[in-house]
Amino acid sequence: MPIANVSSRGGRLLDGGNTLKLGLFGANCSSGRNVTKVPERWSGTWADNLKLARMADAAGIDFMLPIGRWKGYGGETDYQGATLETITWACGLLAATKRLTVFGTVHAPLFHPVIAAKKMVTADHIGAGRFGLNIVVGWNEDEFEMFGVEQREHATRYDYAQEWIDAIKRMWTEQNTFDFDGRFIKLKSVRAKPKPYGGTQPVIMNAGASPTGRAFAVKNCGAFFMQASRNSVAETAQRVAAVKAEAAAQDRDVSVFTVGVIVCRPSTREAEDYHHHCVVEEADWSAVDQLLALRNITPQTVSPDEFRLRRHEFAHGNSGLPIIGDPDRVAGMLIELSRAGLTGIAVSLVNFADELPYLAAEVLPRLERAGLRLPA
């Protein structure tokens, strides 16, 4: 039976509002996304997440996006060793905020679709339509072993994810009891109530980097996360245009987001010095090397120059785009990314709660004056 054609709300995220959406990425994990040993690095505790969400809500930040992490990467800091499960986390933050969209990052192979659909609808009702799904198919074999789940071949992962999201959408739309008979997923006499809040679907996003992953995102999601170019804004614009063209060929409109790391200080010199202190002088290099080894990036598999480059990229925000400078420079870079066609950017900070007030006071007003954001 075909899936019902139900509108995708976007949880107020994609429909109207700010031209350039800003989100906070990775706050549910200890250390966030910066692989650093500095003592002020992000704690990832529930108390700090709750404080941050309320602060972000008041400042007009558009969304919070968690990392689906089950096991840390070791090193001196046990990077991302303590994490909060993302749908539960989202429920708590949605109950404590009024405007913020909060995502759950869900590994399709690890969450049974009937349970996942019910958990996400519950979150959506708690937030009165502000829940979003970030669907991931999984890549970290070390984590999957904890569950006794064998990782599928790359293309087959997306075949499974397609059945998973099809089943989820049917549970979100079908009014009558139904069976689902797929290659991987077989469900009998499924009945799922309530439906998502307001009769529409939560925004769905994905960050598949391969051609297979991108095709999956374009087919199924309203938001696609891609890596922005570190070389030029023009190259980022070309990447955005390619995604949008692929979506247009399927009569779809996909919003394109990227990820970044912001260090903003009163002067660019201060920002650059602090950034160097965090990700060079105080980087947790043993954790960085573990991150790279899981991607088969080692001194034995790549050239010395490539290895040095990738080590630096991953120490800095786990490869997020660097946005370093004073408020004028940071705002200017964000304006350029918007002009490149990006709908939004999910950023991480060394300490989210300590640094967000300065961003809200200095950078957001500059974006408002540029016509990219509305006053909070």
Protein backbone atom coordinates (compact mmCIF):
# COMPACT_ATOMS: atom_id res chain seq x y z
CA MET A 1 0.00 0.00 0.00
CA PRO A 2 1.45 3.45 -0.88
CA ILE A 3 2.45 5.80 1.89
CA ALA A 4 -0.07 8.56 2.45
CA ASN A 5 0.93 11.96 1.08
CA VAL A 6 1.08 13.94 4.30
CA SER A 7 2.77 17.32 4.48
CA SER A 8 6.09 17.60 6.30
CA ARG A 9 5.76 20.39 8.79
CA GLY A 10 9.43 21.03 9.48
CA GLY A 11 8.55 21.77 13.11
CA ARG A 12 8.62 25.50 12.27
CA LEU A 13 12.21 24.93 11.25
CA LEU A 14 11.98 24.83 7.46
CA ASP A 15 8.78 26.77 6.86
CA GLY A 16 9.28 30.52 7.20
CA GLY A 17 11.03 32.19 10.10
CA ASN A 18 14.75 32.90 9.88
CA THR A 19 16.35 32.80 6.44
CA LEU A 20 19.54 31.41 8.00
CA LYS A 21 18.75 28.80 10.64
CA LEU A 22 21.23 28.37 13.47
CA GLY A 23 21.47 25.29 15.64
CA LEU A 24 23.66 23.82 18.37
CA PHE A 25 25.26 20.46 17.56
CA GLY A 26 26.48 17.76 19.92
CA ALA A 27 25.55 19.16 23.34
CA ASN A 28 24.30 15.75 24.50
CA CYS A 29 27.90 14.43 24.54
CA SER A 30 30.72 15.11 26.97
CA SER A 31 33.27 17.42 25.27
CA GLY A 32 30.70 18.27 22.60
CA ARG A 33 32.55 18.07 19.29
CA ASN A 34 35.88 19.67 20.19
CA VAL A 35 38.49 17.01 20.91
CA THR A 36 40.26 19.05 23.56
CA LYS A 37 41.58 18.67 27.09
CA VAL A 38 40.89 22.24 28.24
CA PRO A 39 39.16 22.14 31.65
CA GLU A 40 36.30 24.38 30.48
CA ARG A 41 35.27 21.90 27.74
CA TRP A 42 31.57 21.02 27.61
CA SER A 43 30.31 18.65 30.31
CA GLY A 44 27.33 17.14 28.48
CA THR A 45 25.43 16.73 31.77
CA TRP A 46 21.65 16.95 31.87
CA ALA A 47 21.76 20.03 34.10
CA ASP A 48 23.99 21.86 31.62
CA ASN A 49 21.89 20.73 28.64
CA LEU A 50 18.72 21.99 30.28
CA LYS A 51 20.35 25.34 31.06
CA LEU A 52 21.62 25.58 27.48
CA ALA A 53 18.26 24.74 25.88
CA ARG A 54 16.45 27.42 27.87
CA MET A 55 19.18 29.92 26.98
CA ALA A 56 18.99 28.97 23.29
CA ASP A 57 15.19 29.19 23.28
CA ALA A 58 15.29 32.71 24.72
CA ALA A 59 17.99 33.79 22.24
CA GLY A 60 16.02 32.60 19.21
CA ILE A 61 18.31 29.70 18.25
CA ASP A 62 16.36 27.52 15.82
CA PHE A 63 17.30 23.96 16.77
CA MET A 64 19.40 21.59 18.82
CA LEU A 65 20.86 18.53 17.12
CA PRO A 66 22.32 15.66 19.17
CA ILE A 67 24.92 13.05 18.24
CA GLY A 68 23.82 9.42 18.30
CA ARG A 69 26.75 8.09 20.32
CA TRP A 70 26.85 4.91 22.40
CA LYS A 71 30.54 4.57 23.22
CA GLY A 72 33.34 7.08 23.75
CA TYR A 73 36.57 7.33 21.82
CA GLY A 74 39.00 7.03 24.71
CA GLY A 75 41.99 9.28 24.98
CA GLU A 76 42.87 11.25 28.09
CA THR A 77 39.36 12.76 28.19
CA ASP A 78 37.41 9.68 27.07
CA TYR A 79 36.09 11.92 24.31
CA GLN A 80 32.26 11.68 24.07
CA GLY A 81 32.39 8.92 26.67
CA ALA A 82 29.30 10.15 28.55
CA THR A 83 26.27 10.73 26.33
CA LEU A 84 22.53 11.20 26.74
CA GLU A 85 20.19 9.06 24.60
CA THR A 86 18.75 11.41 22.05
CA ILE A 87 14.98 10.84 21.99
CA THR A 88 14.78 10.87 25.78
CA TRP A 89 17.00 13.97 25.76
CA ALA A 90 14.73 15.62 23.20
CA CYS A 91 11.62 14.92 25.29
CA GLY A 92 13.12 16.66 28.30
CA LEU A 93 14.27 19.70 26.33
CA LEU A 94 11.00 20.04 24.43
CA ALA A 95 9.08 20.07 27.70
CA ALA A 96 11.29 22.90 28.97
CA THR A 97 11.21 25.16 25.88
CA LYS A 98 8.65 26.95 23.74
CA ARG A 99 10.10 27.62 20.28
CA LEU A 100 13.17 25.44 19.80
CA THR A 101 13.09 22.48 17.41
CA VAL A 102 14.87 19.53 19.04
CA PHE A 103 16.05 16.52 17.03
CA GLY A 104 16.53 12.92 17.99
CA THR A 105 19.41 11.21 16.19
CA VAL A 106 18.27 7.65 15.65
CA HIS A 107 20.25 4.64 14.39
CA ALA A 108 17.74 2.81 12.20
CA PRO A 109 19.40 -0.62 12.65
CA LEU A 110 19.28 -0.33 16.46
CA PHE A 111 15.71 0.90 17.01
CA HIS A 112 12.77 -1.31 16.12
CA PRO A 113 10.50 0.82 13.89
CA VAL A 114 7.35 0.28 15.99
CA ILE A 115 9.15 1.43 19.14
CA ALA A 116 10.92 4.27 17.33
CA ALA A 117 7.70 5.59 15.77
CA LYS A 118 5.95 5.63 19.14
CA LYS A 119 8.87 7.29 20.96
CA MET A 120 9.14 10.01 18.33
CA VAL A 121 5.41 10.74 18.28
CA THR A 122 5.52 11.04 22.07
CA ALA A 123 8.35 13.58 21.76
CA ASP A 124 6.43 15.42 19.05
CA HIS A 125 3.38 15.80 21.28
CA ILE A 126 5.50 16.96 24.21
CA GLY A 127 6.92 19.70 21.99
CA ALA A 128 3.62 20.50 20.22
CA GLY A 129 5.21 19.79 16.84
CA ARG A 130 8.83 20.76 17.49
CA PHE A 131 10.47 17.33 17.28
CA GLY A 132 12.71 16.40 14.35
CA LEU A 133 14.24 13.08 13.25
CA ASN A 134 17.88 12.83 12.23
CA ILE A 135 18.09 9.34 10.75
CA VAL A 136 21.47 7.60 10.65
CA VAL A 137 22.29 4.18 9.27
CA GLY A 138 25.44 3.64 11.35
CA TRP A 139 29.12 3.33 10.56
CA ASN A 140 30.92 2.62 13.84
CA GLU A 141 31.47 -1.15 14.03
CA ASP A 142 32.80 -0.83 17.57
CA GLU A 143 29.45 0.51 18.76
CA PHE A 144 27.37 -2.05 16.86
CA GLU A 145 29.25 -4.87 18.56
CA MET A 146 27.86 -3.64 21.89
CA PHE A 147 24.37 -4.47 20.60
CA GLY A 148 25.29 -7.78 19.02
CA VAL A 149 24.26 -6.28 15.67
CA GLU A 150 26.31 -6.95 12.57
CA GLN A 151 26.93 -3.96 10.35
CA ARG A 152 25.59 -4.45 6.81
CA GLU A 153 27.43 -3.61 3.62
CA HIS A 154 27.21 0.08 2.75
CA ALA A 155 24.50 -0.03 0.07
CA THR A 156 22.48 -2.59 2.02
CA ARG A 157 22.44 -0.27 5.06
CA TYR A 158 20.45 2.20 3.01
CA ASP A 159 18.16 -0.53 1.66
CA TYR A 160 17.32 -1.36 5.26
CA ALA A 161 16.95 2.32 6.19
CA GLN A 162 14.52 2.80 3.31
CA GLU A 163 12.25 0.07 4.66
CA TRP A 164 12.63 1.49 8.17
CA ILE A 165 11.57 5.01 7.20
CA ASP A 166 8.76 3.66 5.00
CA ALA A 167 7.42 1.72 7.98
CA ILE A 168 7.77 4.75 10.25
CA LYS A 169 5.88 7.00 7.83
CA ARG A 170 3.08 4.48 7.49
CA MET A 171 2.73 4.36 11.27
CA TRP A 172 2.60 8.15 11.25
CA THR A 173 -0.14 8.24 8.59
CA GLU A 174 -2.15 5.01 8.33
CA GLN A 175 -5.50 5.22 10.09
CA ASN A 176 -6.23 1.52 9.78
CA THR A 177 -4.35 -1.60 10.89
CA PHE A 178 -1.77 -2.68 8.29
CA ASP A 179 0.91 -5.28 7.55
CA PHE A 180 4.40 -4.40 6.35
CA ASP A 181 6.16 -7.08 4.30
CA GLY A 182 9.64 -5.94 3.36
CA ARG A 183 12.91 -7.66 2.63
CA PHE A 184 14.26 -6.84 6.11
CA ILE A 185 11.26 -5.65 8.10
CA LYS A 186 8.10 -7.71 8.47
CA LEU A 187 5.31 -6.36 10.69
CA LYS A 188 1.85 -7.79 11.30
CA SER A 189 -1.36 -6.02 12.27
CA VAL A 190 0.32 -2.71 13.02
CA ARG A 191 -1.75 -0.05 14.71
CA ALA A 192 -0.11 3.22 15.80
CA LYS A 193 -1.89 6.01 17.64
CA PRO A 194 -1.63 8.90 18.22
CA LYS A 195 -0.26 10.34 15.01
CA PRO A 196 2.30 13.16 15.00
CA TYR A 197 1.15 16.46 16.44
CA GLY A 198 -1.15 18.53 14.25
CA GLY A 199 -1.67 15.93 11.54
CA THR A 200 1.67 16.50 9.79
CA GLN A 201 5.08 14.86 9.97
CA PRO A 202 8.23 15.95 11.83
CA VAL A 203 11.09 17.24 9.73
CA ILE A 204 13.47 14.44 8.75
CA MET A 205 17.17 14.99 8.09
CA ASN A 206 20.14 12.87 7.06
CA ALA A 207 23.84 13.46 6.47
CA GLY A 208 24.79 10.67 4.08
CA ALA A 209 28.11 11.64 2.47
CA SER A 210 28.31 8.95 -0.24
CA PRO A 211 26.27 9.09 -3.47
CA THR A 212 24.04 6.35 -2.04
CA GLY A 213 23.59 8.28 1.19
CA ARG A 214 22.82 11.52 -0.60
CA ALA A 215 20.27 9.80 -2.85
CA PHE A 216 18.57 8.41 0.26
CA ALA A 217 18.42 11.85 1.86
CA VAL A 218 17.10 13.55 -1.26
CA LYS A 219 14.35 10.95 -1.60
CA ASN A 220 13.22 10.84 2.02
CA CYS A 221 14.24 13.97 3.92
CA GLY A 222 13.38 17.63 4.08
CA ALA A 223 16.86 18.55 5.30
CA PHE A 224 20.25 17.33 4.13
CA PHE A 225 23.53 17.91 5.97
CA MET A 226 26.61 18.23 3.78
CA GLN A 227 30.25 19.13 4.39
CA ALA A 228 30.96 22.74 3.46
CA SER A 229 34.14 23.39 1.51
CA ARG A 230 37.20 24.48 3.43
CA ASN A 231 38.61 25.95 0.21
CA SER A 232 36.01 28.48 -0.89
CA VAL A 233 32.43 29.64 -0.50
CA ALA A 234 32.05 29.21 -4.26
CA GLU A 235 32.80 25.50 -3.92
CA THR A 236 30.23 25.25 -1.13
CA ALA A 237 27.69 26.94 -3.41
CA GLN A 238 28.41 24.37 -6.11
CA ARG A 239 27.82 21.53 -3.64
CA VAL A 240 24.54 23.06 -2.49
CA ALA A 241 23.39 23.55 -6.08
CA ALA A 242 24.19 19.91 -6.90
CA VAL A 243 22.03 18.66 -4.03
CA LYS A 244 19.16 20.95 -4.96
CA ALA A 245 19.36 19.91 -8.61
CA GLU A 246 19.23 16.24 -7.62
CA ALA A 247 16.14 16.97 -5.51
CA ALA A 248 14.50 19.02 -8.26
CA ALA A 249 14.91 16.08 -10.65
CA GLN A 250 12.60 14.18 -8.29
CA ASP A 251 10.20 17.14 -7.90
CA ARG A 252 11.42 17.64 -4.36
CA ASP A 253 12.76 20.64 -2.48
CA VAL A 254 15.47 19.82 0.06
CA SER A 255 16.96 22.35 2.47
CA VAL A 256 20.73 22.06 2.76
CA PHE A 257 22.57 22.51 6.07
CA THR A 258 26.19 22.23 7.14
CA VAL A 259 28.13 21.88 10.39
CA GLY A 260 30.69 24.23 11.85
CA VAL A 261 32.68 25.19 14.91
CA ILE A 262 32.57 28.78 16.14
CA VAL A 263 35.14 30.56 18.26
CA CYS A 264 34.10 34.19 18.62
CA ARG A 265 35.97 36.74 20.74
CA PRO A 266 36.16 40.58 20.80
CA SER A 267 39.17 40.44 18.46
CA THR A 268 40.14 37.98 15.76
CA ARG A 269 43.56 37.57 17.37
CA GLU A 270 41.94 36.48 20.64
CA ALA A 271 39.71 34.01 18.80
CA GLU A 272 42.56 32.51 16.80
CA ASP A 273 44.80 32.23 19.87
CA TYR A 274 42.08 30.45 21.87
CA HIS A 275 41.28 28.15 18.97
CA HIS A 276 44.96 27.20 18.63
CA HIS A 277 45.18 26.62 22.38
CA CYS A 278 42.19 24.25 22.34
CA VAL A 279 42.82 22.21 19.21
CA VAL A 280 46.63 22.17 19.00
CA GLU A 281 48.23 22.84 22.36
CA GLU A 282 45.50 21.06 24.35
CA ALA A 283 44.10 18.64 21.78
CA ASP A 284 43.39 15.11 23.00
CA TRP A 285 45.53 13.57 20.27
CA SER A 286 45.05 9.97 21.38
CA ALA A 287 41.27 10.40 20.98
CA VAL A 288 41.80 12.09 17.61
CA ASP A 289 43.88 9.15 16.42
CA GLN A 290 41.16 6.74 17.53
CA LEU A 291 38.55 8.73 15.58
CA LEU A 292 40.74 8.59 12.49
CA ALA A 293 41.60 4.91 12.86
CA LEU A 294 37.91 4.04 12.83
CA ARG A 295 37.80 5.69 9.40
CA ASN A 296 40.93 3.82 8.30
CA ILE A 297 43.00 6.99 8.35
CA THR A 298 46.39 6.09 9.84
CA PRO A 299 50.08 6.75 9.05
CA GLN A 300 50.03 3.40 7.26
CA THR A 301 47.05 4.19 4.98
CA VAL A 302 47.60 7.85 3.99
CA SER A 303 50.53 10.14 3.31
CA PRO A 304 52.20 12.04 6.18
CA ASP A 305 50.79 15.37 4.89
CA GLU A 306 47.28 13.94 4.62
CA PHE A 307 47.50 12.45 8.11
CA ARG A 308 48.62 15.77 9.63
CA LEU A 309 45.80 17.60 7.86
CA ARG A 310 43.13 15.15 8.98
CA ARG A 311 44.41 15.14 12.57
CA HIS A 312 44.02 18.90 12.73
CA GLU A 313 40.56 18.80 11.12
CA PHE A 314 39.28 16.24 13.60
CA ALA A 315 40.79 17.92 16.65
CA HIS A 316 38.87 21.00 15.60
CA GLY A 317 35.23 20.11 16.12
CA ASN A 318 35.42 16.61 14.66
CA SER A 319 35.89 18.10 11.15
CA GLY A 320 33.33 20.93 11.33
CA LEU A 321 33.92 24.07 9.24
CA PRO A 322 36.09 26.54 11.24
CA ILE A 323 34.37 29.89 11.84
CA ILE A 324 36.93 31.82 13.87
CA GLY A 325 37.09 35.55 14.55
CA ASP A 326 35.55 38.67 16.02
CA PRO A 327 31.76 39.25 15.73
CA ASP A 328 32.07 41.03 12.37
CA ARG A 329 34.14 38.23 10.88
CA VAL A 330 31.96 35.44 12.27
CA ALA A 331 28.77 37.14 11.09
CA GLY A 332 30.37 37.79 7.70
CA MET A 333 31.25 34.13 7.24
CA LEU A 334 27.72 33.09 8.17
CA ILE A 335 26.29 35.61 5.71
CA GLU A 336 28.50 34.19 2.95
CA LEU A 337 27.32 30.64 3.74
CA SER A 338 23.73 31.80 3.49
CA ARG A 339 24.42 33.43 0.13
CA ALA A 340 25.93 30.13 -1.01
CA GLY A 341 22.45 28.65 -0.68
CA LEU A 342 22.64 27.01 2.73
CA THR A 343 19.45 27.02 4.77
CA GLY A 344 21.29 26.69 8.05
CA ILE A 345 24.30 25.63 10.04
CA ALA A 346 24.63 23.52 13.18
CA VAL A 347 27.52 24.77 15.25
CA SER A 348 29.49 23.55 18.22
CA LEU A 349 31.33 25.61 20.83
CA VAL A 350 34.03 24.63 23.30
CA ASN A 351 31.56 25.39 26.09
CA PHE A 352 28.06 26.00 24.74
CA ALA A 353 26.57 27.73 27.78
CA ASP A 354 29.58 29.97 28.44
CA GLU A 355 29.92 31.14 24.83
CA LEU A 356 26.32 31.36 23.57
CA PRO A 357 25.49 34.64 25.39
CA TYR A 358 28.28 36.47 23.53
CA LEU A 359 27.12 35.06 20.19
CA ALA A 360 23.55 36.06 20.95
CA ALA A 361 24.57 39.58 21.99
CA GLU A 362 27.07 40.30 19.20
CA VAL A 363 26.61 38.01 16.19
CA LEU A 364 22.83 37.53 16.02
CA PRO A 365 22.09 41.29 15.80
CA ARG A 366 24.50 41.54 12.86
CA LEU A 367 22.62 38.75 11.11
CA GLU A 368 19.35 40.54 11.84
CA ARG A 369 20.69 43.73 10.24
CA ALA A 370 21.71 41.65 7.21
CA GLY A 371 18.12 40.51 6.88
CA LEU A 372 18.87 36.84 7.60
CA ARG A 373 17.25 36.54 11.00
CA LEU A 374 14.32 37.95 12.93
CA PRO A 375 14.69 39.45 16.41
CA ALA A 376 14.29 36.82 19.12
